[in-house]
Amino acid sequence: MNAMRLRRLPVVGGIAASALVLLAASPAFAHVSVQPGQAEQGTYSTIAFKVPNEKDDASTVKLEVTLPADHPLTSVMAQPVPGWDVKLTKTKLAKPVESHGEKITEAVTKVTWSGGKIEPGTFQQFPLSVGELPHDTDQLVFKALQTYDDKEVVRWIEAPQEGQPEPENPAPVLKLVKPAEGSDSHGSGASGDTDSDSARNAEAEKAAAASDDGDSSDTTARVLGIVGIVVGAAGIAFGLLAGRRRNA
């Protein structure tokens, strides 16, 4: 009996080792994410939801993204995605917010893309322009529902917790950081454009000055050349006249 058990041990060990190899070789579990994963507080930013198709026998046909109601975004615009329809759903805010001196009573709380298809082994990005990003939080959590054409719905709605392992179905998270010194709230680089204009004007003035200097130099050179020609001609005439007098 003991001999039979000893003979089975290598077999069992081999099976366990093979299972570990298969687990290590399996691909990482891809999920819906937001890219880039970081933006500046108080700015307007363009983000995109990256949606990989995780199934071998079905295609993704719809994506629903819920925007955080506790930090409403007063401006949400979707960039057209070829082959997909987009719907922005607005909701009345429990507490109005102010934006650029105006009181905002409703905001986009859900964006739905449908009508297209993400085939197995591919992914699609869905861009949004959003703002103004809040100042009073360091992240925004977007809950997403991914629907397949076999009717399965994957719910990416679990908010990751700092110091904890990644949940099974993590929600897309946009990290928010303090704005860089000198940046403007629109992220458009307006102050940089002003600086660029000033630099271009300075360069233009330098070029004009250089051109003026060049023109002055050319004029001086021409005058000196003419004077040289006149002096040279006078010298030749004087030499001929002196030669004639000697011959006479």
C-alpha atoms as a PDB file:
ATOM      1  CA  MET A   1       0.000   0.000   0.000  1.00  0.00           C
ATOM      2  CA  ASN A   2       2.806   2.374   0.942  1.00  0.00           C
ATOM      3  CA  ALA A   3       4.630   1.489  -2.268  1.00  0.00           C
ATOM      4  CA  MET A   4       1.592   2.417  -4.343  1.00  0.00           C
ATOM      5  CA  ARG A   5       1.342   5.803  -2.568  1.00  0.00           C
ATOM      6  CA  LEU A   6       5.017   6.490  -3.215  1.00  0.00           C
ATOM      7  CA  ARG A   7       4.565   5.712  -6.920  1.00  0.00           C
ATOM      8  CA  ARG A   8       1.613   8.192  -7.099  1.00  0.00           C
ATOM      9  CA  LEU A   9       3.535  11.114  -5.546  1.00  0.00           C
ATOM     10  CA  PRO A  10       5.583  11.987  -8.675  1.00  0.00           C
ATOM     11  CA  VAL A  11       2.400  11.913 -10.771  1.00  0.00           C
ATOM     12  CA  VAL A  12       0.534  14.247  -8.405  1.00  0.00           C
ATOM     13  CA  GLY A  13       3.556  16.550  -8.190  1.00  0.00           C
ATOM     14  CA  GLY A  14       3.784  16.689 -11.981  1.00  0.00           C
ATOM     15  CA  ILE A  15       0.112  17.637 -12.309  1.00  0.00           C
ATOM     16  CA  ALA A  16       0.466  20.418  -9.714  1.00  0.00           C
ATOM     17  CA  ALA A  17       3.555  21.784 -11.449  1.00  0.00           C
ATOM     18  CA  SER A  18       1.771  21.778 -14.806  1.00  0.00           C
ATOM     19  CA  ALA A  19      -1.169  23.677 -13.294  1.00  0.00           C
ATOM     20  CA  LEU A  20       1.178  26.337 -11.915  1.00  0.00           C
ATOM     21  CA  VAL A  21       2.842  26.734 -15.323  1.00  0.00           C
ATOM     22  CA  LEU A  22      -0.534  27.171 -17.000  1.00  0.00           C
ATOM     23  CA  LEU A  23      -1.591  29.808 -14.466  1.00  0.00           C
ATOM     24  CA  ALA A  24       1.654  31.706 -14.908  1.00  0.00           C
ATOM     25  CA  ALA A  25       1.325  31.584 -18.685  1.00  0.00           C
ATOM     26  CA  SER A  26      -2.281  32.811 -18.751  1.00  0.00           C
ATOM     27  CA  PRO A  27      -2.745  36.439 -19.911  1.00  0.00           C
ATOM     28  CA  ALA A  28      -3.499  39.211 -17.408  1.00  0.00           C
ATOM     29  CA  PHE A  29      -7.179  39.986 -16.986  1.00  0.00           C
ATOM     30  CA  ALA A  30      -7.798  43.090 -19.086  1.00  0.00           C
ATOM     31  CA  HIS A  31     -10.499  45.565 -18.106  1.00  0.00           C
ATOM     32  CA  VAL A  32     -12.042  48.886 -19.079  1.00  0.00           C
ATOM     33  CA  SER A  33      -9.671  51.733 -18.188  1.00  0.00           C
ATOM     34  CA  VAL A  34      -9.432  55.504 -18.594  1.00  0.00           C
ATOM     35  CA  GLN A  35      -6.453  57.011 -20.398  1.00  0.00           C
ATOM     36  CA  PRO A  36      -4.425  58.940 -19.614  1.00  0.00           C
ATOM     37  CA  GLY A  37      -4.836  57.824 -16.045  1.00  0.00           C
ATOM     38  CA  GLN A  38      -3.948  61.237 -14.626  1.00  0.00           C
ATOM     39  CA  ALA A  39      -5.049  64.858 -15.127  1.00  0.00           C
ATOM     40  CA  GLU A  40      -4.680  68.203 -13.365  1.00  0.00           C
ATOM     41  CA  GLN A  41      -7.295  69.505 -10.952  1.00  0.00           C
ATOM     42  CA  GLY A  42      -9.296  72.497 -12.180  1.00  0.00           C
ATOM     43  CA  THR A  43      -8.529  71.882 -15.856  1.00  0.00           C
ATOM     44  CA  TYR A  44     -10.429  70.718 -18.912  1.00  0.00           C
ATOM     45  CA  SER A  45      -9.033  67.465 -20.218  1.00  0.00           C
ATOM     46  CA  THR A  46      -9.554  64.937 -23.000  1.00  0.00           C
ATOM     47  CA  ILE A  47      -9.759  61.382 -21.717  1.00  0.00           C
ATOM     48  CA  ALA A  48     -10.589  58.092 -23.427  1.00  0.00           C
ATOM     49  CA  PHE A  49     -12.123  54.880 -22.162  1.00  0.00           C
ATOM     50  CA  LYS A  50     -10.155  51.919 -23.493  1.00  0.00           C
ATOM     51  CA  VAL A  51     -12.355  48.859 -23.916  1.00  0.00           C
ATOM     52  CA  PRO A  52     -10.676  45.529 -24.746  1.00  0.00           C
ATOM     53  CA  ASN A  53     -12.798  42.586 -25.898  1.00  0.00           C
ATOM     54  CA  GLU A  54     -12.049  39.736 -23.506  1.00  0.00           C
ATOM     55  CA  LYS A  55     -14.153  36.985 -25.065  1.00  0.00           C
ATOM     56  CA  ASP A  56     -13.162  34.651 -27.889  1.00  0.00           C
ATOM     57  CA  ASP A  57     -16.711  33.906 -29.037  1.00  0.00           C
ATOM     58  CA  ALA A  58     -18.549  37.257 -28.645  1.00  0.00           C
ATOM     59  CA  SER A  59     -18.142  40.934 -29.504  1.00  0.00           C
ATOM     60  CA  THR A  60     -18.657  44.026 -27.339  1.00  0.00           C
ATOM     61  CA  VAL A  61     -21.647  45.987 -28.644  1.00  0.00           C
ATOM     62  CA  LYS A  62     -22.296  48.598 -25.929  1.00  0.00           C
ATOM     63  CA  LEU A  63     -20.466  50.622 -23.300  1.00  0.00           C
ATOM     64  CA  GLU A  64     -22.198  52.620 -20.548  1.00  0.00           C
ATOM     65  CA  VAL A  65     -20.086  54.930 -18.385  1.00  0.00           C
ATOM     66  CA  THR A  66     -21.522  56.594 -15.284  1.00  0.00           C
ATOM     67  CA  LEU A  67     -19.901  59.886 -14.319  1.00  0.00           C
ATOM     68  CA  PRO A  68     -19.457  60.641 -10.604  1.00  0.00           C
ATOM     69  CA  ALA A  69     -22.489  62.474  -9.206  1.00  0.00           C
ATOM     70  CA  ASP A  70     -20.610  63.706  -6.125  1.00  0.00           C
ATOM     71  CA  HIS A  71     -18.265  65.697  -8.365  1.00  0.00           C
ATOM     72  CA  PRO A  72     -20.402  66.708 -11.372  1.00  0.00           C
ATOM     73  CA  LEU A  73     -18.635  67.754 -14.564  1.00  0.00           C
ATOM     74  CA  THR A  74     -20.294  70.834 -16.045  1.00  0.00           C
ATOM     75  CA  SER A  75     -18.823  70.261 -19.510  1.00  0.00           C
ATOM     76  CA  VAL A  76     -18.892  66.852 -21.213  1.00  0.00           C
ATOM     77  CA  MET A  77     -18.476  66.433 -24.976  1.00  0.00           C
ATOM     78  CA  ALA A  78     -18.043  63.172 -26.887  1.00  0.00           C
ATOM     79  CA  GLN A  79     -15.741  62.785 -29.846  1.00  0.00           C
ATOM     80  CA  PRO A  80     -17.432  60.852 -32.664  1.00  0.00           C
ATOM     81  CA  VAL A  81     -16.272  57.242 -32.996  1.00  0.00           C
ATOM     82  CA  PRO A  82     -16.817  55.775 -36.476  1.00  0.00           C
ATOM     83  CA  GLY A  83     -19.536  53.110 -36.447  1.00  0.00           C
ATOM     84  CA  TRP A  84     -20.774  54.004 -32.971  1.00  0.00           C
ATOM     85  CA  ASP A  85     -23.719  56.081 -31.725  1.00  0.00           C
ATOM     86  CA  VAL A  86     -23.278  58.109 -28.551  1.00  0.00           C
ATOM     87  CA  LYS A  87     -25.894  59.338 -26.089  1.00  0.00           C
ATOM     88  CA  LEU A  88     -25.289  61.806 -23.254  1.00  0.00           C
ATOM     89  CA  THR A  89     -27.783  61.554 -20.387  1.00  0.00           C
ATOM     90  CA  LYS A  90     -28.242  64.611 -18.169  1.00  0.00           C
ATOM     91  CA  THR A  91     -29.562  64.580 -14.612  1.00  0.00           C
ATOM     92  CA  LYS A  92     -30.794  67.404 -12.397  1.00  0.00           C
ATOM     93  CA  LEU A  93     -28.249  68.082  -9.681  1.00  0.00           C
ATOM     94  CA  ALA A  94     -29.285  67.806  -6.053  1.00  0.00           C
ATOM     95  CA  LYS A  95     -27.109  70.830  -5.361  1.00  0.00           C
ATOM     96  CA  PRO A  96     -26.472  73.383  -8.162  1.00  0.00           C
ATOM     97  CA  VAL A  97     -22.861  74.293  -8.880  1.00  0.00           C
ATOM     98  CA  GLU A  98     -21.313  77.440 -10.315  1.00  0.00           C
ATOM     99  CA  SER A  99     -19.121  77.502 -13.394  1.00  0.00           C
ATOM    100  CA  HIS A 100     -17.693  80.701 -14.885  1.00  0.00           C
ATOM    101  CA  GLY A 101     -20.250  82.776 -13.001  1.00  0.00           C
ATOM    102  CA  GLU A 102     -23.229  80.682 -14.101  1.00  0.00           C
ATOM    103  CA  LYS A 103     -25.372  78.432 -11.929  1.00  0.00           C
ATOM    104  CA  ILE A 104     -25.504  74.884 -13.318  1.00  0.00           C
ATOM    105  CA  THR A 105     -28.557  72.849 -12.300  1.00  0.00           C
ATOM    106  CA  GLU A 106     -27.993  69.725 -14.412  1.00  0.00           C
ATOM    107  CA  ALA A 107     -25.012  67.813 -15.726  1.00  0.00           C
ATOM    108  CA  VAL A 108     -24.163  64.775 -17.816  1.00  0.00           C
ATOM    109  CA  THR A 109     -24.176  61.735 -15.546  1.00  0.00           C
ATOM    110  CA  LYS A 110     -24.028  58.909 -18.093  1.00  0.00           C
ATOM    111  CA  VAL A 111     -22.559  58.368 -21.549  1.00  0.00           C
ATOM    112  CA  THR A 112     -23.635  55.394 -23.686  1.00  0.00           C
ATOM    113  CA  TRP A 113     -21.950  54.141 -26.851  1.00  0.00           C
ATOM    114  CA  SER A 114     -23.802  51.556 -28.958  1.00  0.00           C
ATOM    115  CA  GLY A 115     -24.337  50.361 -32.524  1.00  0.00           C
ATOM    116  CA  GLY A 116     -20.733  49.376 -33.125  1.00  0.00           C
ATOM    117  CA  LYS A 117     -18.780  46.204 -32.514  1.00  0.00           C
ATOM    118  CA  ILE A 118     -15.470  45.348 -30.850  1.00  0.00           C
ATOM    119  CA  GLU A 119     -14.399  42.010 -32.265  1.00  0.00           C
ATOM    120  CA  PRO A 120     -12.521  39.350 -30.242  1.00  0.00           C
ATOM    121  CA  GLY A 121      -8.839  40.152 -29.881  1.00  0.00           C
ATOM    122  CA  THR A 122      -9.327  43.902 -30.468  1.00  0.00           C
ATOM    123  CA  PHE A 123     -10.054  47.033 -28.438  1.00  0.00           C
ATOM    124  CA  GLN A 124     -11.695  50.425 -28.979  1.00  0.00           C
ATOM    125  CA  GLN A 125     -11.187  53.844 -27.395  1.00  0.00           C
ATOM    126  CA  PHE A 126     -14.065  56.230 -26.647  1.00  0.00           C
ATOM    127  CA  PRO A 127     -12.853  59.840 -26.114  1.00  0.00           C
ATOM    128  CA  LEU A 128     -14.541  62.522 -24.004  1.00  0.00           C
ATOM    129  CA  SER A 129     -13.696  66.140 -23.324  1.00  0.00           C
ATOM    130  CA  VAL A 130     -14.487  66.801 -19.657  1.00  0.00           C
ATOM    131  CA  GLY A 131     -14.200  69.657 -17.188  1.00  0.00           C
ATOM    132  CA  GLU A 132     -13.870  71.529 -15.074  1.00  0.00           C
ATOM    133  CA  LEU A 133     -12.098  68.800 -13.082  1.00  0.00           C
ATOM    134  CA  PRO A 134     -12.703  69.241  -9.331  1.00  0.00           C
ATOM    135  CA  HIS A 135     -10.186  70.732  -6.923  1.00  0.00           C
ATOM    136  CA  ASP A 136     -11.386  68.906  -3.801  1.00  0.00           C
ATOM    137  CA  THR A 137     -10.622  65.280  -4.662  1.00  0.00           C
ATOM    138  CA  ASP A 138      -7.621  63.311  -5.857  1.00  0.00           C
ATOM    139  CA  GLN A 139      -9.540  60.914  -8.095  1.00  0.00           C
ATOM    140  CA  LEU A 140     -12.701  60.369 -10.121  1.00  0.00           C
ATOM    141  CA  VAL A 141     -14.235  56.894 -10.350  1.00  0.00           C
ATOM    142  CA  PHE A 142     -16.177  56.071 -13.518  1.00  0.00           C
ATOM    143  CA  LYS A 143     -18.375  52.971 -13.294  1.00  0.00           C
ATOM    144  CA  ALA A 144     -18.666  51.126 -16.622  1.00  0.00           C
ATOM    145  CA  LEU A 145     -20.924  48.394 -18.019  1.00  0.00           C
ATOM    146  CA  GLN A 146     -19.597  46.376 -20.975  1.00  0.00           C
ATOM    147  CA  THR A 147     -22.262  44.494 -22.946  1.00  0.00           C
ATOM    148  CA  TYR A 148     -21.522  41.614 -25.343  1.00  0.00           C
ATOM    149  CA  ASP A 149     -23.664  40.404 -28.232  1.00  0.00           C
ATOM    150  CA  ASP A 150     -24.314  37.138 -26.333  1.00  0.00           C
ATOM    151  CA  LYS A 151     -26.189  39.302 -23.745  1.00  0.00           C
ATOM    152  CA  GLU A 152     -23.498  39.043 -21.072  1.00  0.00           C
ATOM    153  CA  VAL A 153     -22.881  42.295 -19.166  1.00  0.00           C
ATOM    154  CA  VAL A 154     -19.577  42.806 -17.344  1.00  0.00           C
ATOM    155  CA  ARG A 155     -19.853  45.385 -14.559  1.00  0.00           C
ATOM    156  CA  TRP A 156     -16.628  47.337 -14.035  1.00  0.00           C
ATOM    157  CA  ILE A 157     -17.883  49.129 -10.926  1.00  0.00           C
ATOM    158  CA  GLU A 158     -15.591  48.259  -8.017  1.00  0.00           C
ATOM    159  CA  ALA A 159     -13.533  51.211  -6.783  1.00  0.00           C
ATOM    160  CA  PRO A 160      -9.925  50.207  -6.041  1.00  0.00           C
ATOM    161  CA  GLN A 161      -8.831  50.815  -2.448  1.00  0.00           C
ATOM    162  CA  GLU A 162      -5.367  52.080  -1.594  1.00  0.00           C
ATOM    163  CA  GLY A 163      -3.230  49.354  -0.065  1.00  0.00           C
ATOM    164  CA  GLN A 164      -5.662  46.636  -1.113  1.00  0.00           C
ATOM    165  CA  PRO A 165      -5.376  44.116  -3.980  1.00  0.00           C
ATOM    166  CA  GLU A 166      -7.060  45.114  -7.220  1.00  0.00           C
ATOM    167  CA  PRO A 167     -10.718  44.059  -7.170  1.00  0.00           C
ATOM    168  CA  GLU A 168     -12.031  41.493  -9.616  1.00  0.00           C
ATOM    169  CA  ASN A 169     -13.998  44.077 -11.633  1.00  0.00           C
ATOM    170  CA  PRO A 170     -12.188  47.413 -11.077  1.00  0.00           C
ATOM    171  CA  ALA A 171     -13.839  50.632 -12.206  1.00  0.00           C
ATOM    172  CA  PRO A 172     -11.857  53.060 -14.394  1.00  0.00           C
ATOM    173  CA  VAL A 173     -10.154  55.670 -12.170  1.00  0.00           C
ATOM    174  CA  LEU A 174      -8.795  59.082 -13.189  1.00  0.00           C
ATOM    175  CA  LYS A 175      -6.147  60.351 -10.770  1.00  0.00           C
ATOM    176  CA  LEU A 176      -6.179  64.102 -10.147  1.00  0.00           C
ATOM    177  CA  VAL A 177      -3.037  66.053  -9.258  1.00  0.00           C
ATOM    178  CA  LYS A 178      -2.280  69.661  -8.379  1.00  0.00           C
ATOM    179  CA  PRO A 179      -1.871  71.852 -11.482  1.00  0.00           C
ATOM    180  CA  ALA A 180       1.639  72.702 -12.567  1.00  0.00           C
ATOM    181  CA  GLU A 181       2.802  76.209 -11.689  1.00  0.00           C
ATOM    182  CA  GLY A 182       1.890  78.688 -14.430  1.00  0.00           C
ATOM    183  CA  SER A 183      -0.659  76.441 -16.147  1.00  0.00           C
ATOM    184  CA  ASP A 184      -4.144  77.813 -16.904  1.00  0.00           C
ATOM    185  CA  SER A 185      -7.472  76.195 -16.055  1.00  0.00           C
ATOM    186  CA  HIS A 186      -8.296  75.348 -19.650  1.00  0.00           C
ATOM    187  CA  GLY A 187      -5.100  73.485 -20.325  1.00  0.00           C
ATOM    188  CA  SER A 188      -4.926  75.307 -23.635  1.00  0.00           C
ATOM    189  CA  GLY A 189      -1.561  76.955 -23.114  1.00  0.00           C
ATOM    190  CA  ALA A 190      -2.977  80.460 -23.659  1.00  0.00           C
ATOM    191  CA  SER A 191      -0.190  82.101 -21.670  1.00  0.00           C
ATOM    192  CA  GLY A 192       2.286  80.066 -23.663  1.00  0.00           C
ATOM    193  CA  ASP A 193       0.732  81.400 -26.877  1.00  0.00           C
ATOM    194  CA  THR A 194       1.197  84.965 -25.613  1.00  0.00           C
ATOM    195  CA  ASP A 195       4.804  84.231 -24.805  1.00  0.00           C
ATOM    196  CA  SER A 196       5.253  82.704 -28.232  1.00  0.00           C
ATOM    197  CA  ASP A 197       3.748  85.792 -29.890  1.00  0.00           C
ATOM    198  CA  SER A 198       6.080  88.049 -27.936  1.00  0.00           C
ATOM    199  CA  ALA A 199       9.025  85.886 -28.900  1.00  0.00           C
ATOM    200  CA  ARG A 200       7.977  85.938 -32.551  1.00  0.00           C
ATOM    201  CA  ASN A 201       7.590  89.734 -32.440  1.00  0.00           C
ATOM    202  CA  ALA A 202      11.037  90.082 -30.873  1.00  0.00           C
ATOM    203  CA  GLU A 203      12.515  87.846 -33.553  1.00  0.00           C
ATOM    204  CA  ALA A 204      10.767  89.860 -36.238  1.00  0.00           C
ATOM    205  CA  GLU A 205      12.177  93.101 -34.803  1.00  0.00           C
ATOM    206  CA  LYS A 206      15.644  91.600 -34.728  1.00  0.00           C
ATOM    207  CA  ALA A 207      15.267  90.421 -38.307  1.00  0.00           C
ATOM    208  CA  ALA A 208      14.088  93.885 -39.377  1.00  0.00           C
ATOM    209  CA  ALA A 209      16.998  95.513 -37.579  1.00  0.00           C
ATOM    210  CA  ALA A 210      19.395  93.094 -39.183  1.00  0.00           C
ATOM    211  CA  SER A 211      17.825  93.829 -42.539  1.00  0.00           C
ATOM    212  CA  ASP A 212      18.211  97.574 -41.978  1.00  0.00           C
ATOM    213  CA  ASP A 213      21.823  97.084 -40.960  1.00  0.00           C
ATOM    214  CA  GLY A 214      22.401  94.999 -44.037  1.00  0.00           C
ATOM    215  CA  ASP A 215      20.855  97.665 -46.273  1.00  0.00           C
ATOM    216  CA  SER A 216      23.035 100.359 -44.668  1.00  0.00           C
ATOM    217  CA  SER A 217      26.132  98.245 -45.166  1.00  0.00           C
ATOM    218  CA  ASP A 218      25.224  97.616 -48.801  1.00  0.00           C
ATOM    219  CA  THR A 219      24.706 101.355 -49.408  1.00  0.00           C
ATOM    220  CA  THR A 220      28.046 102.197 -47.804  1.00  0.00           C
ATOM    221  CA  ALA A 221      29.785  99.560 -49.868  1.00  0.00           C
ATOM    222  CA  ARG A 222      28.250 100.902 -53.062  1.00  0.00           C
ATOM    223  CA  VAL A 223      29.343 104.503 -52.259  1.00  0.00           C
ATOM    224  CA  LEU A 224      32.873 103.402 -51.448  1.00  0.00           C
ATOM    225  CA  GLY A 225      32.977 101.372 -54.625  1.00  0.00           C
ATOM    226  CA  ILE A 226      31.924 104.349 -56.744  1.00  0.00           C
ATOM    227  CA  VAL A 227      34.467 106.589 -55.003  1.00  0.00           C
ATOM    228  CA  GLY A 228      37.150 104.018 -55.654  1.00  0.00           C
ATOM    229  CA  ILE A 229      36.235 103.859 -59.336  1.00  0.00           C
ATOM    230  CA  VAL A 230      36.338 107.665 -59.633  1.00  0.00           C
ATOM    231  CA  VAL A 231      39.700 107.911 -57.863  1.00  0.00           C
ATOM    232  CA  GLY A 232      41.073 105.121 -60.007  1.00  0.00           C
ATOM    233  CA  ALA A 233      39.917 106.826 -63.219  1.00  0.00           C
ATOM    234  CA  ALA A 234      41.407 110.129 -62.075  1.00  0.00           C
ATOM    235  CA  GLY A 235      44.727 108.449 -61.396  1.00  0.00           C
ATOM    236  CA  ILE A 236      44.781 106.871 -64.844  1.00  0.00           C
ATOM    237  CA  ALA A 237      43.961 110.235 -66.522  1.00  0.00           C
ATOM    238  CA  PHE A 238      46.711 111.974 -64.529  1.00  0.00           C
ATOM    239  CA  GLY A 239      49.212 109.332 -65.536  1.00  0.00           C
ATOM    240  CA  LEU A 240      48.392 109.681 -69.249  1.00  0.00           C
ATOM    241  CA  LEU A 241      48.605 113.468 -69.087  1.00  0.00           C
ATOM    242  CA  ALA A 242      51.993 113.344 -67.331  1.00  0.00           C
ATOM    243  CA  GLY A 243      53.320 110.934 -69.948  1.00  0.00           C
ATOM    244  CA  ARG A 244      52.308 113.219 -72.795  1.00  0.00           C
ATOM    245  CA  ARG A 245      54.031 116.208 -71.165  1.00  0.00           C
ATOM    246  CA  ARG A 246      57.289 114.263 -70.853  1.00  0.00           C
ATOM    247  CA  ASN A 247      57.128 113.175 -74.473  1.00  0.00           C
ATOM    248  CA  ALA A 248      56.544 116.745 -75.562  1.00  0.00           C
END
